[in-house]
Amino acid sequence: MPNRNRLTIQINGIKYPIVTAEEPEYVTELAREMDKTVMELMAVNKSISVNEVLVLLALGYLDLSKKAEANADNLRGQITKYAQDASQARTELLEARREVERLMRKQGGEK
């Protein structure tokens, strides 16, 4: 079972105790980034509530996550195709070398 780290993060002045398998420094940095974004959004729109900001952030992060997942799937597909192409090229190279050797043996036998 992975180690569980207990820490407290702060978003918009509210402290949230959490338990995570991630490194505390990483989670703290995520919380700082989120807090900064919350503050920026609330400064732009004074009438927006914290809950509304957090919903907008969640949607934005979910959108980024889905797009990153789709990009990763696309890259995996491209890598698979490149690997298949490389394997086919390797097979064709081996066949060409065998043919060259066969023709050289044939030419040597005709002399």
PDB file of N, CA and C in Angstrom:
ATOM      1  N   MET A   1       0.843  -1.176   0.000  1.00  0.00           N
ATOM      2  CA  MET A   1       0.000   0.000   0.000  1.00  0.00           C
ATOM      3  C   MET A   1       0.886   1.236   0.000  1.00  0.00           C
ATOM      4  N   PRO A   2       0.612   2.182  -0.887  1.00  0.00           N
ATOM      5  CA  PRO A   2       1.468   3.377  -0.955  1.00  0.00           C
ATOM      6  C   PRO A   2       1.382   4.205   0.312  1.00  0.00           C
ATOM      7  N   ASN A   3       2.463   4.958   0.559  1.00  0.00           N
ATOM      8  CA  ASN A   3       2.472   5.838   1.722  1.00  0.00           C
ATOM      9  C   ASN A   3       1.403   6.898   1.567  1.00  0.00           C
ATOM     10  N   ARG A   4       0.771   7.232   2.650  1.00  0.00           N
ATOM     11  CA  ARG A   4      -0.247   8.275   2.660  1.00  0.00           C
ATOM     12  C   ARG A   4       0.315   9.473   3.397  1.00  0.00           C
ATOM     13  N   ASN A   5       0.268  10.606   2.747  1.00  0.00           N
ATOM     14  CA  ASN A   5       0.752  11.843   3.347  1.00  0.00           C
ATOM     15  C   ASN A   5      -0.442  12.685   3.768  1.00  0.00           C
ATOM     16  N   ARG A   6      -0.399  13.147   5.004  1.00  0.00           N
ATOM     17  CA  ARG A   6      -1.451  14.029   5.516  1.00  0.00           C
ATOM     18  C   ARG A   6      -0.910  15.447   5.496  1.00  0.00           C
ATOM     19  N   LEU A   7      -1.692  16.344   4.915  1.00  0.00           N
ATOM     20  CA  LEU A   7      -1.285  17.736   4.904  1.00  0.00           C
ATOM     21  C   LEU A   7      -2.515  18.620   4.821  1.00  0.00           C
ATOM     22  N   THR A   8      -2.306  19.887   5.024  1.00  0.00           N
ATOM     23  CA  THR A   8      -3.383  20.862   4.945  1.00  0.00           C
ATOM     24  C   THR A   8      -3.032  21.862   3.853  1.00  0.00           C
ATOM     25  N   ILE A   9      -3.977  22.030   2.925  1.00  0.00           N
ATOM     26  CA  ILE A   9      -3.797  23.029   1.877  1.00  0.00           C
ATOM     27  C   ILE A   9      -4.755  24.178   2.151  1.00  0.00           C
ATOM     28  N   GLN A  10      -4.506  25.301   1.499  1.00  0.00           N
ATOM     29  CA  GLN A  10      -5.368  26.457   1.706  1.00  0.00           C
ATOM     30  C   GLN A  10      -5.778  27.035   0.358  1.00  0.00           C
ATOM     31  N   ILE A  11      -7.091  27.158   0.169  1.00  0.00           N
ATOM     32  CA  ILE A  11      -7.659  27.746  -1.039  1.00  0.00           C
ATOM     33  C   ILE A  11      -8.600  28.871  -0.596  1.00  0.00           C
ATOM     34  N   ASN A  12      -8.335  30.062  -1.071  1.00  0.00           N
ATOM     35  CA  ASN A  12      -9.166  31.224  -0.750  1.00  0.00           C
ATOM     36  C   ASN A  12      -9.344  31.413   0.759  1.00  0.00           C
ATOM     37  N   GLY A  13      -8.271  31.175   1.496  1.00  0.00           N
ATOM     38  CA  GLY A  13      -8.298  31.379   2.938  1.00  0.00           C
ATOM     39  C   GLY A  13      -8.917  30.249   3.732  1.00  0.00           C
ATOM     40  N   ILE A  14      -9.403  29.221   3.059  1.00  0.00           N
ATOM     41  CA  ILE A  14     -10.022  28.086   3.753  1.00  0.00           C
ATOM     42  C   ILE A  14      -9.042  26.926   3.748  1.00  0.00           C
ATOM     43  N   LYS A  15      -8.846  26.350   4.931  1.00  0.00           N
ATOM     44  CA  LYS A  15      -7.910  25.229   5.065  1.00  0.00           C
ATOM     45  C   LYS A  15      -8.638  23.910   4.832  1.00  0.00           C
ATOM     46  N   TYR A  16      -7.980  23.042   4.071  1.00  0.00           N
ATOM     47  CA  TYR A  16      -8.523  21.721   3.752  1.00  0.00           C
ATOM     48  C   TYR A  16      -7.502  20.663   4.131  1.00  0.00           C
ATOM     49  N   PRO A  17      -7.814  19.841   5.149  1.00  0.00           N
ATOM     50  CA  PRO A  17      -6.918  18.727   5.465  1.00  0.00           C
ATOM     51  C   PRO A  17      -7.144  17.618   4.433  1.00  0.00           C
ATOM     52  N   ILE A  18      -6.071  17.102   3.876  1.00  0.00           N
ATOM     53  CA  ILE A  18      -6.201  16.030   2.885  1.00  0.00           C
ATOM     54  C   ILE A  18      -5.192  14.919   3.161  1.00  0.00           C
ATOM     55  N   VAL A  19      -5.488  13.777   2.616  1.00  0.00           N
ATOM     56  CA  VAL A  19      -4.592  12.619   2.654  1.00  0.00           C
ATOM     57  C   VAL A  19      -4.323  12.243   1.207  1.00  0.00           C
ATOM     58  N   THR A  20      -3.053  12.085   0.862  1.00  0.00           N
ATOM     59  CA  THR A  20      -2.698  11.808  -0.529  1.00  0.00           C
ATOM     60  C   THR A  20      -1.478  10.893  -0.597  1.00  0.00           C
ATOM     61  N   ALA A  21      -1.396  10.159  -1.693  1.00  0.00           N
ATOM     62  CA  ALA A  21      -0.209   9.342  -1.954  1.00  0.00           C
ATOM     63  C   ALA A  21       0.869  10.174  -2.643  1.00  0.00           C
ATOM     64  N   GLU A  22       0.481  11.354  -3.110  1.00  0.00           N
ATOM     65  CA  GLU A  22       1.427  12.235  -3.803  1.00  0.00           C
ATOM     66  C   GLU A  22       2.372  12.894  -2.797  1.00  0.00           C
ATOM     67  N   GLU A  23       3.479  13.384  -3.337  1.00  0.00           N
ATOM     68  CA  GLU A  23       4.440  14.099  -2.501  1.00  0.00           C
ATOM     69  C   GLU A  23       3.791  15.391  -1.994  1.00  0.00           C
ATOM     70  N   PRO A  24       3.971  15.719  -0.719  1.00  0.00           N
ATOM     71  CA  PRO A  24       3.371  16.930  -0.160  1.00  0.00           C
ATOM     72  C   PRO A  24       3.753  18.200  -0.922  1.00  0.00           C
ATOM     73  N   GLU A  25       4.998  18.293  -1.368  1.00  0.00           N
ATOM     74  CA  GLU A  25       5.442  19.485  -2.094  1.00  0.00           C
ATOM     75  C   GLU A  25       4.652  19.655  -3.395  1.00  0.00           C
ATOM     76  N   TYR A  26       4.400  18.550  -4.060  1.00  0.00           N
ATOM     77  CA  TYR A  26       3.647  18.586  -5.311  1.00  0.00           C
ATOM     78  C   TYR A  26       2.219  19.063  -5.064  1.00  0.00           C
ATOM     79  N   VAL A  27       1.566  18.493  -4.061  1.00  0.00           N
ATOM     80  CA  VAL A  27       0.182  18.853  -3.751  1.00  0.00           C
ATOM     81  C   VAL A  27       0.102  20.303  -3.279  1.00  0.00           C
ATOM     82  N   THR A  28       1.068  20.721  -2.489  1.00  0.00           N
ATOM     83  CA  THR A  28       1.098  22.107  -2.020  1.00  0.00           C
ATOM     84  C   THR A  28       1.233  23.060  -3.197  1.00  0.00           C
ATOM     85  N   GLU A  29       2.047  22.725  -4.165  1.00  0.00           N
ATOM     86  CA  GLU A  29       2.207  23.568  -5.352  1.00  0.00           C
ATOM     87  C   GLU A  29       0.910  23.613  -6.164  1.00  0.00           C
ATOM     88  N   LEU A  30       0.228  22.480  -6.286  1.00  0.00           N
ATOM     89  CA  LEU A  30      -1.073  22.471  -6.962  1.00  0.00           C
ATOM     90  C   LEU A  30      -2.056  23.396  -6.249  1.00  0.00           C
ATOM     91  N   ALA A  31      -2.074  23.323  -4.924  1.00  0.00           N
ATOM     92  CA  ALA A  31      -2.979  24.172  -4.142  1.00  0.00           C
ATOM     93  C   ALA A  31      -2.640  25.644  -4.329  1.00  0.00           C
ATOM     94  N   ARG A  32      -1.348  25.974  -4.360  1.00  0.00           N
ATOM     95  CA  ARG A  32      -0.945  27.375  -4.591  1.00  0.00           C
ATOM     96  C   ARG A  32      -1.435  27.867  -5.952  1.00  0.00           C
ATOM     97  N   GLU A  33      -1.271  27.020  -6.965  1.00  0.00           N
ATOM     98  CA  GLU A  33      -1.714  27.390  -8.307  1.00  0.00           C
ATOM     99  C   GLU A  33      -3.230  27.588  -8.337  1.00  0.00           C
ATOM    100  N   MET A  34      -3.954  26.680  -7.703  1.00  0.00           N
ATOM    101  CA  MET A  34      -5.402  26.784  -7.665  1.00  0.00           C
ATOM    102  C   MET A  34      -5.836  28.030  -6.892  1.00  0.00           C
ATOM    103  N   ASP A  35      -5.202  28.292  -5.768  1.00  0.00           N
ATOM    104  CA  ASP A  35      -5.529  29.471  -4.968  1.00  0.00           C
ATOM    105  C   ASP A  35      -5.300  30.747  -5.774  1.00  0.00           C
ATOM    106  N   LYS A  36      -4.202  30.792  -6.492  1.00  0.00           N
ATOM    107  CA  LYS A  36      -3.895  31.968  -7.320  1.00  0.00           C
ATOM    108  C   LYS A  36      -4.970  32.174  -8.378  1.00  0.00           C
ATOM    109  N   THR A  37      -5.384  31.092  -9.036  1.00  0.00           N
ATOM    110  CA  THR A  37      -6.406  31.186 -10.068  1.00  0.00           C
ATOM    111  C   THR A  37      -7.745  31.618  -9.472  1.00  0.00           C
ATOM    112  N   VAL A  38      -8.096  31.069  -8.313  1.00  0.00           N
ATOM    113  CA  VAL A  38      -9.332  31.468  -7.636  1.00  0.00           C
ATOM    114  C   VAL A  38      -9.300  32.960  -7.351  1.00  0.00           C
ATOM    115  N   MET A  39      -8.203  33.439  -6.798  1.00  0.00           N
ATOM    116  CA  MET A  39      -8.079  34.871  -6.469  1.00  0.00           C
ATOM    117  C   MET A  39      -8.187  35.740  -7.726  1.00  0.00           C
ATOM    118  N   GLU A  40      -7.567  35.307  -8.814  1.00  0.00           N
ATOM    119  CA  GLU A  40      -7.623  36.071 -10.065  1.00  0.00           C
ATOM    120  C   GLU A  40      -9.052  36.152 -10.599  1.00  0.00           C
ATOM    121  N   LEU A  41      -9.754  35.018 -10.588  1.00  0.00           N
ATOM    122  CA  LEU A  41     -11.128  35.006 -11.087  1.00  0.00           C
ATOM    123  C   LEU A  41     -12.052  35.854 -10.211  1.00  0.00           C
ATOM    124  N   MET A  42     -11.842  35.783  -8.912  1.00  0.00           N
ATOM    125  CA  MET A  42     -12.685  36.560  -8.005  1.00  0.00           C
ATOM    126  C   MET A  42     -12.378  38.056  -8.104  1.00  0.00           C
ATOM    127  N   ALA A  43     -11.156  38.402  -8.457  1.00  0.00           N
ATOM    128  CA  ALA A  43     -10.798  39.815  -8.616  1.00  0.00           C
ATOM    129  C   ALA A  43     -11.438  40.391  -9.875  1.00  0.00           C
ATOM    130  N   VAL A  44     -11.565  39.566 -10.910  1.00  0.00           N
ATOM    131  CA  VAL A  44     -12.158  40.015 -12.174  1.00  0.00           C
ATOM    132  C   VAL A  44     -13.675  40.177 -12.030  1.00  0.00           C
ATOM    133  N   ASN A  45     -14.288  39.241 -11.342  1.00  0.00           N
ATOM    134  CA  ASN A  45     -15.742  39.270 -11.177  1.00  0.00           C
ATOM    135  C   ASN A  45     -16.063  39.269  -9.684  1.00  0.00           C
ATOM    136  N   LYS A  46     -16.340  40.418  -9.133  1.00  0.00           N
ATOM    137  CA  LYS A  46     -16.564  40.574  -7.684  1.00  0.00           C
ATOM    138  C   LYS A  46     -17.824  39.870  -7.200  1.00  0.00           C
ATOM    139  N   SER A  47     -18.788  39.613  -8.102  1.00  0.00           N
ATOM    140  CA  SER A  47     -20.048  39.018  -7.665  1.00  0.00           C
ATOM    141  C   SER A  47     -20.047  37.490  -7.724  1.00  0.00           C
ATOM    142  N   ILE A  48     -18.982  36.890  -8.216  1.00  0.00           N
ATOM    143  CA  ILE A  48     -18.926  35.431  -8.343  1.00  0.00           C
ATOM    144  C   ILE A  48     -18.616  34.809  -6.977  1.00  0.00           C
ATOM    145  N   SER A  49     -19.278  33.704  -6.685  1.00  0.00           N
ATOM    146  CA  SER A  49     -19.046  33.026  -5.402  1.00  0.00           C
ATOM    147  C   SER A  49     -17.861  32.068  -5.529  1.00  0.00           C
ATOM    148  N   VAL A  50     -17.344  31.668  -4.382  1.00  0.00           N
ATOM    149  CA  VAL A  50     -16.238  30.708  -4.360  1.00  0.00           C
ATOM    150  C   VAL A  50     -16.688  29.403  -5.004  1.00  0.00           C
ATOM    151  N   ASN A  51     -17.911  28.978  -4.710  1.00  0.00           N
ATOM    152  CA  ASN A  51     -18.408  27.733  -5.310  1.00  0.00           C
ATOM    153  C   ASN A  51     -18.466  27.836  -6.831  1.00  0.00           C
ATOM    154  N   GLU A  52     -18.915  28.956  -7.345  1.00  0.00           N
ATOM    155  CA  GLU A  52     -18.973  29.139  -8.795  1.00  0.00           C
ATOM    156  C   GLU A  52     -17.568  29.101  -9.400  1.00  0.00           C
ATOM    157  N   VAL A  53     -16.636  29.753  -8.742  1.00  0.00           N
ATOM    158  CA  VAL A  53     -15.252  29.739  -9.219  1.00  0.00           C
ATOM    159  C   VAL A  53     -14.709  28.317  -9.226  1.00  0.00           C
ATOM    160  N   LEU A  54     -14.961  27.588  -8.153  1.00  0.00           N
ATOM    161  CA  LEU A  54     -14.443  26.222  -8.063  1.00  0.00           C
ATOM    162  C   LEU A  54     -15.077  25.313  -9.115  1.00  0.00           C
ATOM    163  N   VAL A  55     -16.366  25.516  -9.420  1.00  0.00           N
ATOM    164  CA  VAL A  55     -17.013  24.738 -10.486  1.00  0.00           C
ATOM    165  C   VAL A  55     -16.364  25.068 -11.826  1.00  0.00           C
ATOM    166  N   LEU A  56     -16.142  26.357 -12.088  1.00  0.00           N
ATOM    167  CA  LEU A  56     -15.484  26.753 -13.341  1.00  0.00           C
ATOM    168  C   LEU A  56     -14.082  26.162 -13.432  1.00  0.00           C
ATOM    169  N   LEU A  57     -13.348  26.199 -12.326  1.00  0.00           N
ATOM    170  CA  LEU A  57     -12.003  25.604 -12.318  1.00  0.00           C
ATOM    171  C   LEU A  57     -12.063  24.107 -12.563  1.00  0.00           C
ATOM    172  N   ALA A  58     -12.999  23.431 -11.899  1.00  0.00           N
ATOM    173  CA  ALA A  58     -13.129  21.982 -12.087  1.00  0.00           C
ATOM    174  C   ALA A  58     -13.433  21.657 -13.548  1.00  0.00           C
ATOM    175  N   LEU A  59     -14.340  22.411 -14.162  1.00  0.00           N
ATOM    176  CA  LEU A  59     -14.652  22.182 -15.573  1.00  0.00           C
ATOM    177  C   LEU A  59     -13.431  22.431 -16.456  1.00  0.00           C
ATOM    178  N   GLY A  60     -12.715  23.504 -16.161  1.00  0.00           N
ATOM    179  CA  GLY A  60     -11.513  23.803 -16.937  1.00  0.00           C
ATOM    180  C   GLY A  60     -10.460  22.724 -16.812  1.00  0.00           C
ATOM    181  N   TYR A  61     -10.226  22.259 -15.583  1.00  0.00           N
ATOM    182  CA  TYR A  61      -9.231  21.208 -15.370  1.00  0.00           C
ATOM    183  C   TYR A  61      -9.684  19.890 -15.982  1.00  0.00           C
ATOM    184  N   LEU A  62     -10.985  19.599 -15.913  1.00  0.00           N
ATOM    185  CA  LEU A  62     -11.507  18.377 -16.529  1.00  0.00           C
ATOM    186  C   LEU A  62     -11.341  18.436 -18.042  1.00  0.00           C
ATOM    187  N   ASP A  63     -11.597  19.610 -18.611  1.00  0.00           N
ATOM    188  CA  ASP A  63     -11.397  19.804 -20.045  1.00  0.00           C
ATOM    189  C   ASP A  63      -9.938  19.555 -20.422  1.00  0.00           C
ATOM    190  N   LEU A  64      -9.021  20.143 -19.681  1.00  0.00           N
ATOM    191  CA  LEU A  64      -7.588  19.932 -19.940  1.00  0.00           C
ATOM    192  C   LEU A  64      -7.206  18.464 -19.809  1.00  0.00           C
ATOM    193  N   SER A  65      -7.753  17.811 -18.803  1.00  0.00           N
ATOM    194  CA  SER A  65      -7.451  16.398 -18.578  1.00  0.00           C
ATOM    195  C   SER A  65      -7.940  15.536 -19.742  1.00  0.00           C
ATOM    196  N   LYS A  66      -9.177  15.782 -20.198  1.00  0.00           N
ATOM    197  CA  LYS A  66      -9.725  15.011 -21.316  1.00  0.00           C
ATOM    198  C   LYS A  66      -8.914  15.239 -22.592  1.00  0.00           C
ATOM    199  N   LYS A  67      -8.540  16.496 -22.846  1.00  0.00           N
ATOM    200  CA  LYS A  67      -7.754  16.797 -24.045  1.00  0.00           C
ATOM    201  C   LYS A  67      -6.367  16.174 -23.954  1.00  0.00           C
ATOM    202  N   ALA A  68      -5.762  16.204 -22.776  1.00  0.00           N
ATOM    203  CA  ALA A  68      -4.445  15.584 -22.597  1.00  0.00           C
ATOM    204  C   ALA A  68      -4.534  14.074 -22.794  1.00  0.00           C
ATOM    205  N   GLU A  69      -5.613  13.475 -22.292  1.00  0.00           N
ATOM    206  CA  GLU A  69      -5.823  12.036 -22.467  1.00  0.00           C
ATOM    207  C   GLU A  69      -5.985  11.689 -23.949  1.00  0.00           C
ATOM    208  N   ALA A  70      -6.757  12.504 -24.663  1.00  0.00           N
ATOM    209  CA  ALA A  70      -6.949  12.269 -26.103  1.00  0.00           C
ATOM    210  C   ALA A  70      -5.629  12.427 -26.849  1.00  0.00           C
ATOM    211  N   ASN A  71      -4.840  13.433 -26.478  1.00  0.00           N
ATOM    212  CA  ASN A  71      -3.527  13.629 -27.106  1.00  0.00           C
ATOM    213  C   ASN A  71      -2.603  12.458 -26.812  1.00  0.00           C
ATOM    214  N   ALA A  72      -2.637  11.968 -25.575  1.00  0.00           N
ATOM    215  CA  ALA A  72      -1.795  10.816 -25.214  1.00  0.00           C
ATOM    216  C   ALA A  72      -2.211   9.584 -26.010  1.00  0.00           C
ATOM    217  N   ASP A  73      -3.527   9.376 -26.150  1.00  0.00           N
ATOM    218  CA  ASP A  73      -4.009   8.244 -26.954  1.00  0.00           C
ATOM    219  C   ASP A  73      -3.548   8.376 -28.400  1.00  0.00           C
ATOM    220  N   ASN A  74      -3.621   9.594 -28.931  1.00  0.00           N
ATOM    221  CA  ASN A  74      -3.179   9.846 -30.296  1.00  0.00           C
ATOM    222  C   ASN A  74      -1.683   9.547 -30.440  1.00  0.00           C
ATOM    223  N   LEU A  75      -0.887  10.011 -29.483  1.00  0.00           N
ATOM    224  CA  LEU A  75       0.556   9.750 -29.531  1.00  0.00           C
ATOM    225  C   LEU A  75       0.861   8.259 -29.426  1.00  0.00           C
ATOM    226  N   ARG A  76       0.128   7.553 -28.550  1.00  0.00           N
ATOM    227  CA  ARG A  76       0.334   6.105 -28.442  1.00  0.00           C
ATOM    228  C   ARG A  76       0.028   5.422 -29.770  1.00  0.00           C
ATOM    229  N   GLY A  77      -1.044   5.863 -30.434  1.00  0.00           N
ATOM    230  CA  GLY A  77      -1.391   5.297 -31.738  1.00  0.00           C
ATOM    231  C   GLY A  77      -0.309   5.561 -32.767  1.00  0.00           C
ATOM    232  N   GLN A  78       0.222   6.790 -32.766  1.00  0.00           N
ATOM    233  CA  GLN A  78       1.291   7.122 -33.709  1.00  0.00           C
ATOM    234  C   GLN A  78       2.542   6.296 -33.430  1.00  0.00           C
ATOM    235  N   ILE A  79       2.881   6.143 -32.171  1.00  0.00           N
ATOM    236  CA  ILE A  79       4.067   5.355 -31.806  1.00  0.00           C
ATOM    237  C   ILE A  79       3.890   3.910 -32.242  1.00  0.00           C
ATOM    238  N   THR A  80       2.688   3.364 -32.034  1.00  0.00           N
ATOM    239  CA  THR A  80       2.412   1.984 -32.456  1.00  0.00           C
ATOM    240  C   THR A  80       2.580   1.840 -33.966  1.00  0.00           C
ATOM    241  N   LYS A  81       2.042   2.816 -34.712  1.00  0.00           N
ATOM    242  CA  LYS A  81       2.178   2.775 -36.174  1.00  0.00           C
ATOM    243  C   LYS A  81       3.645   2.876 -36.580  1.00  0.00           C
ATOM    244  N   TYR A  82       4.395   3.782 -35.945  1.00  0.00           N
ATOM    245  CA  TYR A  82       5.822   3.919 -36.262  1.00  0.00           C
ATOM    246  C   TYR A  82       6.573   2.628 -35.957  1.00  0.00           C
ATOM    247  N   ALA A  83       6.224   1.979 -34.854  1.00  0.00           N
ATOM    248  CA  ALA A  83       6.882   0.717 -34.494  1.00  0.00           C
ATOM    249  C   ALA A  83       6.557  -0.362 -35.531  1.00  0.00           C
ATOM    250  N   GLN A  84       5.299  -0.407 -35.968  1.00  0.00           N
ATOM    251  CA  GLN A  84       4.918  -1.377 -36.996  1.00  0.00           C
ATOM    252  C   GLN A  84       5.645  -1.090 -38.304  1.00  0.00           C
ATOM    253  N   ASP A  85       5.722   0.186 -38.678  1.00  0.00           N
ATOM    254  CA  ASP A  85       6.437   0.563 -39.904  1.00  0.00           C
ATOM    255  C   ASP A  85       7.912   0.184 -39.810  1.00  0.00           C
ATOM    256  N   ALA A  86       8.519   0.427 -38.649  1.00  0.00           N
ATOM    257  CA  ALA A  86       9.932   0.089 -38.457  1.00  0.00           C
ATOM    258  C   ALA A  86      10.133  -1.424 -38.537  1.00  0.00           C
ATOM    259  N   SER A  87       9.216  -2.173 -37.964  1.00  0.00           N
ATOM    260  CA  SER A  87       9.308  -3.633 -38.010  1.00  0.00           C
ATOM    261  C   SER A  87       9.182  -4.136 -39.448  1.00  0.00           C
ATOM    262  N   GLN A  88       8.255  -3.560 -40.186  1.00  0.00           N
ATOM    263  CA  GLN A  88       8.094  -3.947 -41.591  1.00  0.00           C
ATOM    264  C   GLN A  88       9.339  -3.587 -42.394  1.00  0.00           C
ATOM    265  N   ALA A  89       9.898  -2.412 -42.150  1.00  0.00           N
ATOM    266  CA  ALA A  89      11.111  -1.992 -42.857  1.00  0.00           C
ATOM    267  C   ALA A  89      12.267  -2.937 -42.526  1.00  0.00           C
ATOM    268  N   ARG A  90      12.363  -3.348 -41.259  1.00  0.00           N
ATOM    269  CA  ARG A  90      13.412  -4.280 -40.842  1.00  0.00           C
ATOM    270  C   ARG A  90      13.257  -5.607 -41.585  1.00  0.00           C
ATOM    271  N   THR A  91      12.021  -6.092 -41.675  1.00  0.00           N
ATOM    272  CA  THR A  91      11.751  -7.354 -42.376  1.00  0.00           C
ATOM    273  C   THR A  91      12.115  -7.227 -43.858  1.00  0.00           C
ATOM    274  N   GLU A  92      11.732  -6.112 -44.466  1.00  0.00           N
ATOM    275  CA  GLU A  92      12.053  -5.890 -45.880  1.00  0.00           C
ATOM    276  C   GLU A  92      13.562  -5.798 -46.087  1.00  0.00           C
ATOM    277  N   LEU A  93      14.279  -5.176 -45.161  1.00  0.00           N
ATOM    278  CA  LEU A  93      15.736  -5.081 -45.247  1.00  0.00           C
ATOM    279  C   LEU A  93      16.361  -6.471 -45.181  1.00  0.00           C
ATOM    280  N   LEU A  94      15.904  -7.298 -44.238  1.00  0.00           N
ATOM    281  CA  LEU A  94      16.439  -8.659 -44.129  1.00  0.00           C
ATOM    282  C   LEU A  94      16.178  -9.457 -45.409  1.00  0.00           C
ATOM    283  N   GLU A  95      14.975  -9.306 -45.960  1.00  0.00           N
ATOM    284  CA  GLU A  95      14.654 -10.005 -47.206  1.00  0.00           C
ATOM    285  C   GLU A  95      15.537  -9.515 -48.349  1.00  0.00           C
ATOM    286  N   ALA A  96      15.778  -8.217 -48.421  1.00  0.00           N
ATOM    287  CA  ALA A  96      16.629  -7.656 -49.473  1.00  0.00           C
ATOM    288  C   ALA A  96      18.060  -8.167 -49.315  1.00  0.00           C
ATOM    289  N   ARG A  97      18.560  -8.225 -48.090  1.00  0.00           N
ATOM    290  CA  ARG A  97      19.924  -8.736 -47.860  1.00  0.00           C
ATOM    291  C   ARG A  97      20.035 -10.194 -48.282  1.00  0.00           C
ATOM    292  N   ARG A  98      19.012 -10.979 -47.958  1.00  0.00           N
ATOM    293  CA  ARG A  98      19.016 -12.392 -48.364  1.00  0.00           C
ATOM    294  C   ARG A  98      19.027 -12.521 -49.885  1.00  0.00           C
ATOM    295  N   GLU A  99      18.249 -11.669 -50.525  1.00  0.00           N
ATOM    296  CA  GLU A  99      18.196 -11.696 -51.993  1.00  0.00           C
ATOM    297  C   GLU A  99      19.543 -11.303 -52.576  1.00  0.00           C
ATOM    298  N   VAL A 100      20.189 -10.293 -52.008  1.00  0.00           N
ATOM    299  CA  VAL A 100      21.519  -9.885 -52.476  1.00  0.00           C
ATOM    300  C   VAL A 100      22.498 -11.037 -52.305  1.00  0.00           C
ATOM    301  N   GLU A 101      22.480 -11.687 -51.148  1.00  0.00           N
ATOM    302  CA  GLU A 101      23.376 -12.827 -50.905  1.00  0.00           C
ATOM    303  C   GLU A 101      23.101 -13.960 -51.888  1.00  0.00           C
ATOM    304  N   ARG A 102      21.817 -14.223 -52.140  1.00  0.00           N
ATOM    305  CA  ARG A 102      21.452 -15.288 -53.080  1.00  0.00           C
ATOM    306  C   ARG A 102      21.970 -14.963 -54.479  1.00  0.00           C
ATOM    307  N   LEU A 103      21.778 -13.706 -54.910  1.00  0.00           N
ATOM    308  CA  LEU A 103      22.244 -13.308 -56.235  1.00  0.00           C
ATOM    309  C   LEU A 103      23.777 -13.342 -56.321  1.00  0.00           C
ATOM    310  N   MET A 104      24.450 -12.988 -55.235  1.00  0.00           N
ATOM    311  CA  MET A 104      25.922 -13.021 -55.241  1.00  0.00           C
ATOM    312  C   MET A 104      26.404 -14.471 -55.334  1.00  0.00           C
ATOM    313  N   ARG A 105      25.736 -15.372 -54.601  1.00  0.00           N
ATOM    314  CA  ARG A 105      26.114 -16.793 -54.678  1.00  0.00           C
ATOM    315  C   ARG A 105      25.859 -17.335 -56.072  1.00  0.00           C
ATOM    316  N   LYS A 106      24.724 -16.939 -56.640  1.00  0.00           N
ATOM    317  CA  LYS A 106      24.372 -17.383 -57.990  1.00  0.00           C
ATOM    318  C   LYS A 106      25.388 -16.871 -58.997  1.00  0.00           C
ATOM    319  N   GLN A 107      25.790 -15.606 -58.870  1.00  0.00           N
ATOM    320  CA  GLN A 107      26.745 -15.003 -59.789  1.00  0.00           C
ATOM    321  C   GLN A 107      28.112 -15.680 -59.639  1.00  0.00           C
ATOM    322  N   GLY A 108      28.478 -15.996 -58.398  1.00  0.00           N
ATOM    323  CA  GLY A 108      29.754 -16.681 -58.154  1.00  0.00           C
ATOM    324  C   GLY A 108      29.772 -18.083 -58.727  1.00  0.00           C
ATOM    325  N   GLY A 109      28.650 -18.760 -58.754  1.00  0.00           N
ATOM    326  CA  GLY A 109      28.547 -20.119 -59.296  1.00  0.00           C
ATOM    327  C   GLY A 109      28.530 -20.146 -60.815  1.00  0.00           C
ATOM    328  N   GLU A 110      28.205 -19.037 -61.465  1.00  0.00           N
ATOM    329  CA  GLU A 110      28.110 -18.993 -62.923  1.00  0.00           C
ATOM    330  C   GLU A 110      29.466 -18.761 -63.580  1.00  0.00           C
ATOM    331  N   LYS A 111      30.454 -18.342 -62.844  1.00  0.00           N
ATOM    332  CA  LYS A 111      31.755 -18.021 -63.427  1.00  0.00           C
ATOM    333  C   LYS A 111      32.484 -19.218 -63.900  1.00  0.00           C
TER     334      LYS A 111
END
